[in-house]
C-alpha atoms as a PDB file:
ATOM      1  CA  MET A   1      -9.269  -9.764  -9.202  1.00  0.00           C
ATOM      2  CA  CYS A   2      -7.804  -7.475  -6.554  1.00  0.00           C
ATOM      3  CA  GLY A   3      -4.278  -7.258  -5.226  1.00  0.00           C
ATOM      4  CA  ILE A   4      -3.176  -6.347  -1.714  1.00  0.00           C
ATOM      5  CA  THR A   5       0.202  -5.095  -0.526  1.00  0.00           C
ATOM      6  CA  GLY A   6       1.669  -3.650   2.639  1.00  0.00           C
ATOM      7  CA  TRP A   7       3.828  -4.187   5.679  1.00  0.00           C
ATOM      8  CA  ILE A   8       4.042  -3.838   9.439  1.00  0.00           C
ATOM      9  CA  ASP A   9       7.092  -2.393  11.179  1.00  0.00           C
ATOM     10  CA  GLN A  10       7.532  -1.842  14.912  1.00  0.00           C
ATOM     11  CA  ASP A  11      10.766   0.157  14.536  1.00  0.00           C
ATOM     12  CA  ILE A  12       9.935   3.032  12.173  1.00  0.00           C
ATOM     13  CA  GLN A  13       7.121   5.531  11.681  1.00  0.00           C
ATOM     14  CA  LEU A  14       5.467   4.465   8.426  1.00  0.00           C
ATOM     15  CA  PRO A  15       3.587   7.651   7.422  1.00  0.00           C
ATOM     16  CA  ARG A  16       6.859   9.170   6.205  1.00  0.00           C
ATOM     17  CA  ASP A  17       7.300   6.164   3.859  1.00  0.00           C
ATOM     18  CA  ARG A  18       3.880   6.422   2.208  1.00  0.00           C
ATOM     19  CA  HIS A  19       5.581   6.879  -1.183  1.00  0.00           C
ATOM     20  CA  ILE A  20       6.978   3.329  -0.870  1.00  0.00           C
ATOM     21  CA  LEU A  21       3.483   1.948  -0.335  1.00  0.00           C
ATOM     22  CA  GLU A  22       2.206   3.899  -3.344  1.00  0.00           C
ATOM     23  CA  GLU A  23       5.016   2.472  -5.499  1.00  0.00           C
ATOM     24  CA  MET A  24       4.286  -1.054  -4.251  1.00  0.00           C
ATOM     25  CA  THR A  25       0.583  -0.641  -5.027  1.00  0.00           C
ATOM     26  CA  ALA A  26       1.387   0.716  -8.496  1.00  0.00           C
ATOM     27  CA  THR A  27       2.946  -2.659  -9.362  1.00  0.00           C
ATOM     28  CA  LEU A  28      -0.548  -4.164  -9.015  1.00  0.00           C
ATOM     29  CA  THR A  29      -2.135  -2.144 -11.847  1.00  0.00           C
ATOM     30  CA  ASN A  30      -2.664  -5.301 -13.909  1.00  0.00           C
ATOM     31  CA  ARG A  31      -5.147  -6.365 -11.208  1.00  0.00           C
ATOM     32  CA  GLY A  32      -7.572  -3.736 -12.464  1.00  0.00           C
ATOM     33  CA  PRO A  33      -7.535   0.045 -12.556  1.00  0.00           C
ATOM     34  CA  ASP A  34     -11.068   0.406 -11.152  1.00  0.00           C
ATOM     35  CA  ALA A  35     -10.098   1.246  -7.574  1.00  0.00           C
ATOM     36  CA  VAL A  36      -6.872   1.974  -5.711  1.00  0.00           C
ATOM     37  CA  GLY A  37      -6.553   2.733  -2.025  1.00  0.00           C
ATOM     38  CA  HIS A  38      -3.943   3.268   0.661  1.00  0.00           C
ATOM     39  CA  TRP A  39      -4.120   3.175   4.445  1.00  0.00           C
ATOM     40  CA  VAL A  40      -1.186   4.125   6.652  1.00  0.00           C
ATOM     41  CA  SER A  41      -0.915   4.228  10.443  1.00  0.00           C
ATOM     42  CA  SER A  42       2.183   4.708  12.567  1.00  0.00           C
ATOM     43  CA  ARG A  43       3.134   0.993  12.376  1.00  0.00           C
ATOM     44  CA  ALA A  44       1.196  -0.517   9.454  1.00  0.00           C
ATOM     45  CA  ALA A  45       0.732   0.322   5.772  1.00  0.00           C
ATOM     46  CA  LEU A  46      -1.754  -1.348   3.397  1.00  0.00           C
ATOM     47  CA  GLY A  47      -2.575  -0.787  -0.244  1.00  0.00           C
ATOM     48  CA  HIS A  48      -4.955  -2.397  -2.728  1.00  0.00           C
ATOM     49  CA  SER A  49      -5.795  -2.325  -6.400  1.00  0.00           C
ATOM     50  CA  ALA A  50      -9.031  -3.773  -7.703  1.00  0.00           C
END
């Protein structure tokens, strides 16, 4: 089973907060260590663990 995390923010530039996304995604390790990914744009950040 996979897990998805992330957020959207119109007020800040998210690439500088990539470490927060990586920490959030790390909490999903019980979902399966087979694949982990991160995607960050200026206003949205998404992570997954499968």
